[in-house]
Amino acid sequence: MAVPTLDFWFEFASTYSYPAAMRIAPLAKVAGVTVHWHPFMLGPIFKAQGWTTSPFNLYPPKGRNMWRDLERICGTLQLPFVRPKLFPQNTLLAARVALVGLAEGWGEDYCRAIYRVEFGEDRNVEETETITEVLTKLGQDAGTVLTRAQSDEIKSQLRANTEEAQRLDIFGSPTFVTTSGELFWGNDRLDAALDWAKH
């Protein structure tokens, strides 16, 4: 019998994707579900809606509630949390590096580390120096990885991921998609998505 799988679609600029990225591996292990990580860019999806920034910036009351909610969630999970001074951040390079890492087997650790420095330490993941530091701590040759991340192959792969997210009608991050095509949106839907994946 095949092991059930779940696709995890995420954007590094997404606040609620931080706790989701930190929770998904242990929960999936307990559930017996294999998770496939898919970085993508929300910018083109928001642009298609006529938005120039995050809806949390466009609607201040919603944004204020989100930050407080995220603070509560991280407190419950004992995750470090510092509201970033810059939000949203441009995560294009971070996402490209993730694709390199996911292909080489260290990508999930990298993704968690990026979320941690962005939302747990208020580091700017737009900066190459931040990504270099994360890679170095993971024992990777940062120069080699960054060169590959800027290759046409990786750039095309990230574009393809974003186009596939649009095709799947993904409108936010985190999003979880089962093999049957069920779509679950939000950190608070992770448990339900894992349960559905086993059906």
N, C-alpha and C. Protein backbone atom coordinates (compact mmCIF):
# COMPACT_ATOMS: atom_id res chain seq x y z
N MET A 1 0.85 -1.19 0.00
CA MET A 1 0.00 0.00 0.00
C MET A 1 0.89 1.25 0.00
N ALA A 2 0.58 2.19 -0.88
CA ALA A 2 1.40 3.39 -1.03
C ALA A 2 1.29 4.27 0.21
N VAL A 3 2.39 4.93 0.55
CA VAL A 3 2.40 5.87 1.66
C VAL A 3 1.65 7.13 1.24
N PRO A 4 0.70 7.61 2.03
CA PRO A 4 -0.03 8.84 1.66
C PRO A 4 0.92 10.03 1.63
N THR A 5 0.62 10.96 0.73
CA THR A 5 1.47 12.14 0.58
C THR A 5 0.64 13.41 0.69
N LEU A 6 1.34 14.51 0.98
CA LEU A 6 0.70 15.82 1.07
C LEU A 6 1.66 16.85 0.51
N ASP A 7 1.17 17.73 -0.35
CA ASP A 7 1.98 18.81 -0.90
C ASP A 7 1.84 20.05 -0.03
N PHE A 8 2.98 20.58 0.41
CA PHE A 8 3.04 21.75 1.27
C PHE A 8 3.56 22.92 0.43
N TRP A 9 2.66 23.87 0.14
CA TRP A 9 3.00 25.04 -0.66
C TRP A 9 3.21 26.23 0.29
N PHE A 10 4.35 26.88 0.14
CA PHE A 10 4.69 27.94 1.09
C PHE A 10 5.46 29.08 0.43
N GLU A 11 5.29 30.25 1.03
CA GLU A 11 5.99 31.47 0.65
C GLU A 11 6.74 31.97 1.87
N PHE A 12 8.03 32.25 1.73
CA PHE A 12 8.82 32.65 2.89
C PHE A 12 8.35 33.97 3.50
N ALA A 13 7.67 34.81 2.74
CA ALA A 13 7.17 36.07 3.30
C ALA A 13 5.91 35.87 4.15
N SER A 14 5.35 34.68 4.11
CA SER A 14 4.08 34.41 4.78
C SER A 14 4.26 34.17 6.27
N THR A 15 3.55 34.94 7.07
CA THR A 15 3.66 34.84 8.52
C THR A 15 3.19 33.48 9.06
N TYR A 16 2.00 33.06 8.67
CA TYR A 16 1.46 31.82 9.22
C TYR A 16 2.18 30.58 8.70
N SER A 17 2.99 30.75 7.66
CA SER A 17 3.78 29.62 7.17
C SER A 17 4.93 29.29 8.12
N TYR A 18 5.30 30.26 8.95
CA TYR A 18 6.37 30.02 9.93
C TYR A 18 6.00 28.89 10.89
N PRO A 19 4.90 29.00 11.64
CA PRO A 19 4.56 27.87 12.52
C PRO A 19 4.23 26.60 11.76
N ALA A 20 3.65 26.72 10.57
CA ALA A 20 3.33 25.53 9.79
C ALA A 20 4.60 24.77 9.41
N ALA A 21 5.61 25.52 8.97
CA ALA A 21 6.87 24.88 8.58
C ALA A 21 7.55 24.20 9.76
N MET A 22 7.38 24.77 10.94
CA MET A 22 7.99 24.19 12.13
C MET A 22 7.23 22.97 12.64
N ARG A 23 5.94 22.89 12.35
CA ARG A 23 5.11 21.80 12.89
C ARG A 23 4.97 20.61 11.96
N ILE A 24 5.11 20.84 10.66
CA ILE A 24 4.63 19.84 9.71
C ILE A 24 5.40 18.52 9.74
N ALA A 25 6.71 18.55 9.90
CA ALA A 25 7.48 17.31 9.84
C ALA A 25 7.13 16.34 10.97
N PRO A 26 7.15 16.77 12.23
CA PRO A 26 6.80 15.81 13.29
C PRO A 26 5.35 15.34 13.22
N LEU A 27 4.44 16.24 12.85
CA LEU A 27 3.04 15.82 12.73
C LEU A 27 2.86 14.82 11.60
N ALA A 28 3.54 15.05 10.48
CA ALA A 28 3.43 14.14 9.34
C ALA A 28 4.02 12.77 9.67
N LYS A 29 5.10 12.77 10.44
CA LYS A 29 5.72 11.50 10.83
C LYS A 29 4.75 10.66 11.66
N VAL A 30 4.11 11.29 12.62
CA VAL A 30 3.12 10.60 13.45
C VAL A 30 1.95 10.09 12.61
N ALA A 31 1.54 10.90 11.63
CA ALA A 31 0.40 10.54 10.78
C ALA A 31 0.76 9.52 9.71
N GLY A 32 2.05 9.30 9.48
CA GLY A 32 2.47 8.37 8.43
C GLY A 32 2.29 8.95 7.03
N VAL A 33 2.44 10.26 6.91
CA VAL A 33 2.25 10.97 5.63
C VAL A 33 3.59 11.54 5.17
N THR A 34 3.90 11.35 3.90
CA THR A 34 5.10 11.95 3.32
C THR A 34 4.75 13.33 2.78
N VAL A 35 5.54 14.33 3.14
CA VAL A 35 5.27 15.71 2.74
C VAL A 35 6.25 16.14 1.66
N HIS A 36 5.73 16.76 0.61
CA HIS A 36 6.55 17.34 -0.45
C HIS A 36 6.46 18.87 -0.33
N TRP A 37 7.62 19.51 -0.17
CA TRP A 37 7.69 20.96 0.04
C TRP A 37 7.79 21.68 -1.30
N HIS A 38 6.97 22.72 -1.48
CA HIS A 38 6.93 23.47 -2.74
C HIS A 38 6.99 24.99 -2.48
N PRO A 39 8.17 25.60 -2.58
CA PRO A 39 8.22 27.06 -2.49
C PRO A 39 7.62 27.70 -3.72
N PHE A 40 6.93 28.82 -3.53
CA PHE A 40 6.37 29.56 -4.66
C PHE A 40 6.30 31.03 -4.27
N MET A 41 5.93 31.88 -5.21
CA MET A 41 5.87 33.32 -4.96
C MET A 41 4.42 33.78 -4.95
N LEU A 42 4.03 34.47 -3.89
CA LEU A 42 2.67 35.00 -3.79
C LEU A 42 2.47 36.28 -4.59
N GLY A 43 3.56 36.99 -4.88
CA GLY A 43 3.45 38.27 -5.56
C GLY A 43 2.59 38.24 -6.81
N PRO A 44 2.85 37.33 -7.76
CA PRO A 44 2.03 37.27 -8.97
C PRO A 44 0.57 36.95 -8.68
N ILE A 45 0.33 36.16 -7.65
CA ILE A 45 -1.04 35.80 -7.30
C ILE A 45 -1.77 37.01 -6.71
N PHE A 46 -1.08 37.76 -5.85
CA PHE A 46 -1.67 38.98 -5.30
C PHE A 46 -1.89 40.02 -6.40
N LYS A 47 -0.92 40.12 -7.29
CA LYS A 47 -1.01 41.10 -8.38
C LYS A 47 -2.24 40.85 -9.24
N ALA A 48 -2.56 39.57 -9.46
CA ALA A 48 -3.74 39.22 -10.25
C ALA A 48 -5.03 39.66 -9.58
N GLN A 49 -4.97 39.85 -8.24
CA GLN A 49 -6.12 40.34 -7.49
C GLN A 49 -6.15 41.87 -7.42
N GLY A 50 -5.11 42.50 -7.99
CA GLY A 50 -5.03 43.95 -7.93
C GLY A 50 -4.37 44.47 -6.67
N TRP A 51 -3.70 43.56 -5.92
CA TRP A 51 -3.04 43.95 -4.68
C TRP A 51 -1.57 44.25 -4.96
N THR A 52 -1.04 45.27 -4.32
CA THR A 52 0.36 45.63 -4.49
C THR A 52 1.21 45.20 -3.30
N THR A 53 0.56 44.68 -2.26
CA THR A 53 1.27 44.23 -1.08
C THR A 53 0.41 43.19 -0.37
N SER A 54 0.85 42.76 0.80
CA SER A 54 0.09 41.78 1.57
C SER A 54 -1.26 42.35 1.99
N PRO A 55 -2.32 41.52 1.99
CA PRO A 55 -3.62 42.00 2.48
C PRO A 55 -3.55 42.43 3.95
N PHE A 56 -2.56 41.92 4.68
CA PHE A 56 -2.39 42.34 6.08
C PHE A 56 -1.91 43.78 6.17
N ASN A 57 -1.28 44.27 5.11
CA ASN A 57 -0.91 45.69 5.04
C ASN A 57 -2.05 46.53 4.48
N LEU A 58 -2.80 45.96 3.55
CA LEU A 58 -3.89 46.69 2.91
C LEU A 58 -5.05 46.93 3.88
N TYR A 59 -5.24 46.01 4.83
CA TYR A 59 -6.34 46.11 5.79
C TYR A 59 -5.75 46.13 7.21
N PRO A 60 -5.41 47.32 7.73
CA PRO A 60 -4.70 47.44 9.00
C PRO A 60 -5.32 46.67 10.19
N PRO A 61 -6.65 46.69 10.38
CA PRO A 61 -7.19 45.91 11.51
C PRO A 61 -6.88 44.42 11.38
N LYS A 62 -6.98 43.92 10.14
CA LYS A 62 -6.65 42.51 9.90
C LYS A 62 -5.18 42.26 10.21
N GLY A 63 -4.32 43.19 9.81
CA GLY A 63 -2.90 43.06 10.06
C GLY A 63 -2.58 43.05 11.55
N ARG A 64 -3.19 43.97 12.29
CA ARG A 64 -2.94 44.02 13.74
C ARG A 64 -3.36 42.73 14.42
N ASN A 65 -4.50 42.20 14.00
CA ASN A 65 -4.97 40.94 14.58
C ASN A 65 -4.04 39.79 14.23
N MET A 66 -3.56 39.77 12.98
CA MET A 66 -2.65 38.71 12.54
C MET A 66 -1.38 38.69 13.38
N TRP A 67 -0.78 39.87 13.60
CA TRP A 67 0.47 39.91 14.37
C TRP A 67 0.25 39.43 15.80
N ARG A 68 -0.85 39.83 16.41
CA ARG A 68 -1.13 39.36 17.76
C ARG A 68 -1.41 37.87 17.77
N ASP A 69 -2.14 37.40 16.77
CA ASP A 69 -2.46 35.98 16.66
C ASP A 69 -1.18 35.16 16.49
N LEU A 70 -0.29 35.63 15.64
CA LEU A 70 0.97 34.92 15.42
C LEU A 70 1.80 34.89 16.70
N GLU A 71 1.78 35.99 17.43
CA GLU A 71 2.50 36.04 18.71
C GLU A 71 1.95 34.99 19.67
N ARG A 72 0.64 34.86 19.72
CA ARG A 72 0.01 33.85 20.59
C ARG A 72 0.39 32.44 20.14
N ILE A 73 0.30 32.19 18.84
CA ILE A 73 0.61 30.86 18.30
C ILE A 73 2.05 30.48 18.63
N CYS A 74 2.97 31.39 18.37
CA CYS A 74 4.38 31.10 18.62
C CYS A 74 4.65 30.90 20.11
N GLY A 75 3.93 31.64 20.94
CA GLY A 75 4.07 31.44 22.38
C GLY A 75 3.63 30.06 22.80
N THR A 76 2.51 29.61 22.26
CA THR A 76 2.00 28.28 22.58
C THR A 76 2.97 27.19 22.11
N LEU A 77 3.56 27.38 20.94
CA LEU A 77 4.48 26.40 20.37
C LEU A 77 5.90 26.57 20.88
N GLN A 78 6.13 27.58 21.70
CA GLN A 78 7.47 27.91 22.22
C GLN A 78 8.46 28.18 21.08
N LEU A 79 7.95 28.91 20.07
CA LEU A 79 8.79 29.35 18.97
C LEU A 79 9.20 30.80 19.19
N PRO A 80 10.44 31.15 18.89
CA PRO A 80 10.83 32.56 19.02
C PRO A 80 10.03 33.41 18.04
N PHE A 81 9.66 34.60 18.45
CA PHE A 81 8.93 35.49 17.55
C PHE A 81 9.33 36.93 17.78
N VAL A 82 9.71 37.60 16.71
CA VAL A 82 9.97 39.04 16.70
C VAL A 82 9.32 39.58 15.43
N ARG A 83 8.42 40.54 15.58
CA ARG A 83 7.76 41.09 14.40
C ARG A 83 8.80 41.78 13.50
N PRO A 84 8.90 41.37 12.25
CA PRO A 84 9.89 41.97 11.36
C PRO A 84 9.60 43.45 11.09
N LYS A 85 10.65 44.24 11.07
CA LYS A 85 10.47 45.66 10.75
C LYS A 85 10.04 45.83 9.30
N LEU A 86 10.53 44.95 8.43
CA LEU A 86 10.18 44.98 7.01
C LEU A 86 9.23 43.84 6.71
N PHE A 87 8.02 44.20 6.26
CA PHE A 87 7.03 43.17 5.90
C PHE A 87 6.13 43.68 4.79
N PRO A 88 5.94 42.86 3.74
CA PRO A 88 6.62 41.59 3.50
C PRO A 88 8.01 41.79 2.92
N GLN A 89 8.84 40.80 3.08
CA GLN A 89 10.18 40.84 2.51
C GLN A 89 10.17 40.20 1.12
N ASN A 90 11.14 40.60 0.31
CA ASN A 90 11.30 40.00 -1.02
C ASN A 90 12.04 38.67 -0.83
N THR A 91 11.36 37.57 -1.07
CA THR A 91 11.91 36.26 -0.75
C THR A 91 12.31 35.46 -1.99
N LEU A 92 12.51 36.16 -3.09
CA LEU A 92 12.83 35.48 -4.36
C LEU A 92 14.09 34.64 -4.24
N LEU A 93 15.18 35.21 -3.76
CA LEU A 93 16.43 34.46 -3.66
C LEU A 93 16.30 33.33 -2.65
N ALA A 94 15.66 33.61 -1.52
CA ALA A 94 15.48 32.57 -0.51
C ALA A 94 14.73 31.37 -1.07
N ALA A 95 13.72 31.63 -1.90
CA ALA A 95 12.94 30.54 -2.50
C ALA A 95 13.77 29.76 -3.51
N ARG A 96 14.58 30.48 -4.29
CA ARG A 96 15.43 29.78 -5.26
C ARG A 96 16.43 28.87 -4.55
N VAL A 97 17.00 29.36 -3.46
CA VAL A 97 17.94 28.53 -2.68
C VAL A 97 17.21 27.32 -2.11
N ALA A 98 15.98 27.49 -1.70
CA ALA A 98 15.20 26.36 -1.18
C ALA A 98 15.08 25.25 -2.21
N LEU A 99 14.87 25.61 -3.46
CA LEU A 99 14.76 24.60 -4.51
C LEU A 99 16.05 23.81 -4.65
N VAL A 100 17.18 24.49 -4.53
CA VAL A 100 18.47 23.79 -4.57
C VAL A 100 18.56 22.82 -3.40
N GLY A 101 18.25 23.31 -2.22
CA GLY A 101 18.34 22.47 -1.03
C GLY A 101 17.38 21.30 -1.03
N LEU A 102 16.17 21.52 -1.50
CA LEU A 102 15.18 20.42 -1.53
C LEU A 102 15.62 19.33 -2.50
N ALA A 103 16.31 19.71 -3.56
CA ALA A 103 16.82 18.72 -4.51
C ALA A 103 18.02 17.96 -3.95
N GLU A 104 18.71 18.56 -2.99
CA GLU A 104 19.95 17.96 -2.46
C GLU A 104 19.78 17.35 -1.07
N GLY A 105 18.58 17.45 -0.49
CA GLY A 105 18.33 16.77 0.77
C GLY A 105 18.47 17.59 2.04
N TRP A 106 18.87 18.85 1.92
CA TRP A 106 18.99 19.70 3.11
C TRP A 106 17.97 20.85 3.10
N GLY A 107 17.07 20.81 2.16
CA GLY A 107 16.13 21.91 1.96
C GLY A 107 15.17 22.16 3.10
N GLU A 108 14.67 21.11 3.73
CA GLU A 108 13.70 21.33 4.80
C GLU A 108 14.35 22.03 5.99
N ASP A 109 15.57 21.62 6.33
CA ASP A 109 16.29 22.30 7.41
C ASP A 109 16.55 23.76 7.05
N TYR A 110 16.88 24.00 5.81
CA TYR A 110 17.11 25.38 5.34
C TYR A 110 15.82 26.20 5.46
N CYS A 111 14.71 25.65 5.02
CA CYS A 111 13.44 26.38 5.06
C CYS A 111 13.08 26.76 6.49
N ARG A 112 13.23 25.81 7.40
CA ARG A 112 12.93 26.12 8.81
C ARG A 112 13.87 27.20 9.33
N ALA A 113 15.13 27.14 8.94
CA ALA A 113 16.11 28.13 9.40
C ALA A 113 15.79 29.52 8.86
N ILE A 114 15.35 29.61 7.62
CA ILE A 114 14.98 30.90 7.03
C ILE A 114 13.79 31.50 7.78
N TYR A 115 12.77 30.68 8.00
CA TYR A 115 11.62 31.18 8.76
C TYR A 115 12.03 31.64 10.15
N ARG A 116 12.92 30.89 10.78
CA ARG A 116 13.33 31.23 12.14
C ARG A 116 14.07 32.56 12.20
N VAL A 117 14.97 32.79 11.26
CA VAL A 117 15.71 34.07 11.31
C VAL A 117 14.81 35.24 10.90
N GLU A 118 13.86 34.98 10.01
CA GLU A 118 12.97 36.05 9.55
C GLU A 118 11.97 36.46 10.62
N PHE A 119 11.28 35.48 11.21
CA PHE A 119 10.21 35.78 12.16
C PHE A 119 10.59 35.54 13.62
N GLY A 120 11.73 34.91 13.85
CA GLY A 120 12.18 34.69 15.22
C GLY A 120 13.30 35.63 15.64
N GLU A 121 13.98 36.25 14.63
CA GLU A 121 15.13 37.11 14.94
C GLU A 121 15.06 38.47 14.23
N ASP A 122 14.02 38.69 13.41
CA ASP A 122 13.88 39.92 12.63
C ASP A 122 15.11 40.16 11.75
N ARG A 123 15.54 39.12 11.06
CA ARG A 123 16.62 39.25 10.10
C ARG A 123 16.00 39.47 8.71
N ASN A 124 16.73 40.15 7.86
CA ASN A 124 16.23 40.44 6.51
C ASN A 124 16.69 39.35 5.56
N VAL A 125 15.76 38.51 5.13
CA VAL A 125 16.14 37.40 4.23
C VAL A 125 16.24 37.85 2.78
N GLU A 126 16.01 39.15 2.54
CA GLU A 126 16.32 39.70 1.21
C GLU A 126 17.84 39.78 1.01
N GLU A 127 18.55 39.88 2.11
CA GLU A 127 19.99 40.11 2.05
C GLU A 127 20.75 38.81 1.83
N THR A 128 21.64 38.83 0.86
CA THR A 128 22.46 37.65 0.57
C THR A 128 23.25 37.22 1.79
N GLU A 129 23.69 38.19 2.60
CA GLU A 129 24.48 37.87 3.79
C GLU A 129 23.69 36.99 4.76
N THR A 130 22.40 37.25 4.91
CA THR A 130 21.58 36.44 5.81
C THR A 130 21.48 35.02 5.31
N ILE A 131 21.23 34.86 4.02
CA ILE A 131 21.11 33.53 3.43
C ILE A 131 22.45 32.80 3.51
N THR A 132 23.53 33.52 3.26
CA THR A 132 24.87 32.92 3.35
C THR A 132 25.12 32.38 4.75
N GLU A 133 24.73 33.16 5.75
CA GLU A 133 24.93 32.72 7.14
C GLU A 133 24.13 31.46 7.44
N VAL A 134 22.89 31.40 6.97
CA VAL A 134 22.06 30.22 7.17
C VAL A 134 22.70 29.01 6.50
N LEU A 135 23.14 29.17 5.27
CA LEU A 135 23.75 28.06 4.53
C LEU A 135 25.02 27.57 5.22
N THR A 136 25.82 28.50 5.67
CA THR A 136 27.07 28.13 6.33
C THR A 136 26.81 27.34 7.60
N LYS A 137 25.82 27.75 8.38
CA LYS A 137 25.47 27.03 9.61
C LYS A 137 24.95 25.63 9.31
N LEU A 138 24.42 25.43 8.10
CA LEU A 138 23.94 24.11 7.70
C LEU A 138 25.05 23.27 7.08
N GLY A 139 26.26 23.83 7.03
CA GLY A 139 27.40 23.10 6.48
C GLY A 139 27.47 23.09 4.97
N GLN A 140 26.79 24.04 4.33
CA GLN A 140 26.78 24.12 2.87
C GLN A 140 27.80 25.14 2.39
N ASP A 141 28.30 24.93 1.18
CA ASP A 141 29.18 25.91 0.52
C ASP A 141 28.28 26.99 -0.06
N ALA A 142 28.17 28.11 0.64
CA ALA A 142 27.21 29.15 0.26
C ALA A 142 27.44 29.66 -1.15
N GLY A 143 28.68 29.86 -1.54
CA GLY A 143 28.97 30.38 -2.86
C GLY A 143 28.46 29.46 -3.96
N THR A 144 28.71 28.18 -3.80
CA THR A 144 28.25 27.19 -4.79
C THR A 144 26.74 27.15 -4.87
N VAL A 145 26.11 27.15 -3.70
CA VAL A 145 24.64 27.09 -3.65
C VAL A 145 24.02 28.33 -4.28
N LEU A 146 24.54 29.50 -3.94
CA LEU A 146 23.98 30.75 -4.47
C LEU A 146 24.17 30.84 -5.98
N THR A 147 25.27 30.34 -6.49
CA THR A 147 25.48 30.33 -7.94
C THR A 147 24.44 29.45 -8.62
N ARG A 148 24.22 28.27 -8.04
CA ARG A 148 23.23 27.38 -8.63
C ARG A 148 21.83 27.97 -8.53
N ALA A 149 21.56 28.66 -7.42
CA ALA A 149 20.23 29.25 -7.21
C ALA A 149 19.91 30.30 -8.27
N GLN A 150 20.92 30.91 -8.85
CA GLN A 150 20.72 31.94 -9.88
C GLN A 150 20.77 31.37 -11.29
N SER A 151 20.83 30.04 -11.40
CA SER A 151 20.87 29.41 -12.71
C SER A 151 19.51 29.50 -13.39
N ASP A 152 19.50 29.41 -14.71
CA ASP A 152 18.25 29.45 -15.46
C ASP A 152 17.34 28.29 -15.06
N GLU A 153 17.94 27.15 -14.74
CA GLU A 153 17.15 25.97 -14.36
C GLU A 153 16.33 26.24 -13.10
N ILE A 154 16.97 26.80 -12.09
CA ILE A 154 16.28 27.05 -10.83
C ILE A 154 15.27 28.19 -10.98
N LYS A 155 15.65 29.23 -11.71
CA LYS A 155 14.71 30.33 -11.95
C LYS A 155 13.45 29.81 -12.65
N SER A 156 13.63 28.96 -13.62
CA SER A 156 12.49 28.40 -14.37
C SER A 156 11.65 27.51 -13.46
N GLN A 157 12.32 26.77 -12.58
CA GLN A 157 11.58 25.89 -11.69
C GLN A 157 10.70 26.68 -10.73
N LEU A 158 11.21 27.79 -10.21
CA LEU A 158 10.40 28.60 -9.30
C LEU A 158 9.22 29.23 -10.04
N ARG A 159 9.46 29.68 -11.26
CA ARG A 159 8.34 30.21 -12.07
C ARG A 159 7.30 29.14 -12.30
N ALA A 160 7.76 27.92 -12.59
CA ALA A 160 6.84 26.81 -12.84
C ALA A 160 6.04 26.48 -11.58
N ASN A 161 6.70 26.53 -10.43
CA ASN A 161 5.99 26.29 -9.16
C ASN A 161 4.89 27.32 -8.95
N THR A 162 5.22 28.57 -9.21
CA THR A 162 4.24 29.64 -9.02
C THR A 162 3.08 29.49 -9.99
N GLU A 163 3.37 29.13 -11.23
CA GLU A 163 2.30 28.90 -12.22
C GLU A 163 1.44 27.71 -11.82
N GLU A 164 2.07 26.67 -11.26
CA GLU A 164 1.30 25.51 -10.81
C GLU A 164 0.42 25.88 -9.62
N ALA A 165 0.93 26.71 -8.73
CA ALA A 165 0.11 27.17 -7.61
C ALA A 165 -1.12 27.92 -8.12
N GLN A 166 -0.92 28.77 -9.12
CA GLN A 166 -2.04 29.49 -9.71
C GLN A 166 -3.03 28.53 -10.35
N ARG A 167 -2.52 27.50 -11.02
CA ARG A 167 -3.39 26.52 -11.67
C ARG A 167 -4.23 25.77 -10.63
N LEU A 168 -3.64 25.54 -9.46
CA LEU A 168 -4.34 24.83 -8.39
C LEU A 168 -5.30 25.73 -7.61
N ASP A 169 -5.37 27.02 -8.01
CA ASP A 169 -6.20 28.01 -7.32
C ASP A 169 -5.72 28.28 -5.90
N ILE A 170 -4.41 28.16 -5.70
CA ILE A 170 -3.84 28.53 -4.42
C ILE A 170 -3.83 30.06 -4.32
N PHE A 171 -4.31 30.57 -3.21
CA PHE A 171 -4.44 32.03 -3.06
C PHE A 171 -3.70 32.57 -1.85
N GLY A 172 -3.07 31.69 -1.09
CA GLY A 172 -2.35 32.12 0.10
C GLY A 172 -1.39 31.04 0.56
N SER A 173 -0.66 31.36 1.63
CA SER A 173 0.34 30.44 2.17
C SER A 173 0.23 30.46 3.69
N PRO A 174 0.30 29.27 4.32
CA PRO A 174 0.58 27.97 3.74
C PRO A 174 -0.68 27.32 3.16
N THR A 175 -0.47 26.52 2.14
CA THR A 175 -1.55 25.74 1.55
C THR A 175 -1.09 24.29 1.46
N PHE A 176 -2.01 23.38 1.77
CA PHE A 176 -1.73 21.95 1.73
C PHE A 176 -2.68 21.31 0.73
N VAL A 177 -2.14 20.50 -0.17
CA VAL A 177 -2.97 19.88 -1.21
C VAL A 177 -2.76 18.37 -1.17
N THR A 178 -3.85 17.62 -1.08
CA THR A 178 -3.76 16.16 -1.05
C THR A 178 -3.70 15.61 -2.47
N THR A 179 -3.38 14.33 -2.59
CA THR A 179 -3.30 13.70 -3.92
C THR A 179 -4.67 13.68 -4.60
N SER A 180 -5.73 13.75 -3.81
CA SER A 180 -7.08 13.76 -4.38
C SER A 180 -7.50 15.17 -4.81
N GLY A 181 -6.63 16.17 -4.54
CA GLY A 181 -6.93 17.53 -4.97
C GLY A 181 -7.61 18.40 -3.94
N GLU A 182 -7.77 17.88 -2.70
CA GLU A 182 -8.35 18.70 -1.65
C GLU A 182 -7.35 19.77 -1.23
N LEU A 183 -7.83 21.01 -1.10
CA LEU A 183 -6.97 22.13 -0.76
C LEU A 183 -7.33 22.64 0.64
N PHE A 184 -6.31 22.74 1.48
CA PHE A 184 -6.47 23.26 2.84
C PHE A 184 -5.57 24.47 2.99
N TRP A 185 -6.13 25.59 3.43
CA TRP A 185 -5.36 26.83 3.52
C TRP A 185 -5.21 27.25 4.97
N GLY A 186 -3.99 27.51 5.37
CA GLY A 186 -3.73 28.07 6.69
C GLY A 186 -3.07 27.10 7.66
N ASN A 187 -2.26 27.64 8.53
CA ASN A 187 -1.59 26.85 9.56
C ASN A 187 -2.60 26.05 10.38
N ASP A 188 -3.76 26.62 10.62
CA ASP A 188 -4.76 25.95 11.45
C ASP A 188 -5.48 24.81 10.74
N ARG A 189 -5.18 24.61 9.46
CA ARG A 189 -5.78 23.50 8.71
C ARG A 189 -4.79 22.36 8.47
N LEU A 190 -3.60 22.47 9.05
CA LEU A 190 -2.58 21.45 8.83
C LEU A 190 -3.01 20.08 9.32
N ASP A 191 -3.55 20.00 10.52
CA ASP A 191 -3.96 18.70 11.07
C ASP A 191 -5.05 18.07 10.21
N ALA A 192 -6.00 18.88 9.78
CA ALA A 192 -7.09 18.37 8.93
C ALA A 192 -6.54 17.87 7.59
N ALA A 193 -5.56 18.58 7.05
CA ALA A 193 -4.97 18.19 5.77
C ALA A 193 -4.25 16.85 5.90
N LEU A 194 -3.51 16.67 6.96
CA LEU A 194 -2.80 15.41 7.18
C LEU A 194 -3.79 14.27 7.35
N ASP A 195 -4.87 14.53 8.05
CA ASP A 195 -5.89 13.49 8.25
C ASP A 195 -6.55 13.13 6.92
N TRP A 196 -6.85 14.14 6.11
CA TRP A 196 -7.50 13.89 4.82
C TRP A 196 -6.56 13.13 3.88
N ALA A 197 -5.27 13.42 3.97
CA ALA A 197 -4.29 12.77 3.09
C ALA A 197 -4.29 11.26 3.27
N LYS A 198 -4.73 10.79 4.42
CA LYS A 198 -4.73 9.35 4.70
C LYS A 198 -5.95 8.64 4.14
N HIS A 199 -6.91 9.41 3.65
CA HIS A 199 -8.16 8.79 3.13
C HIS A 199 -7.91 8.05 1.82
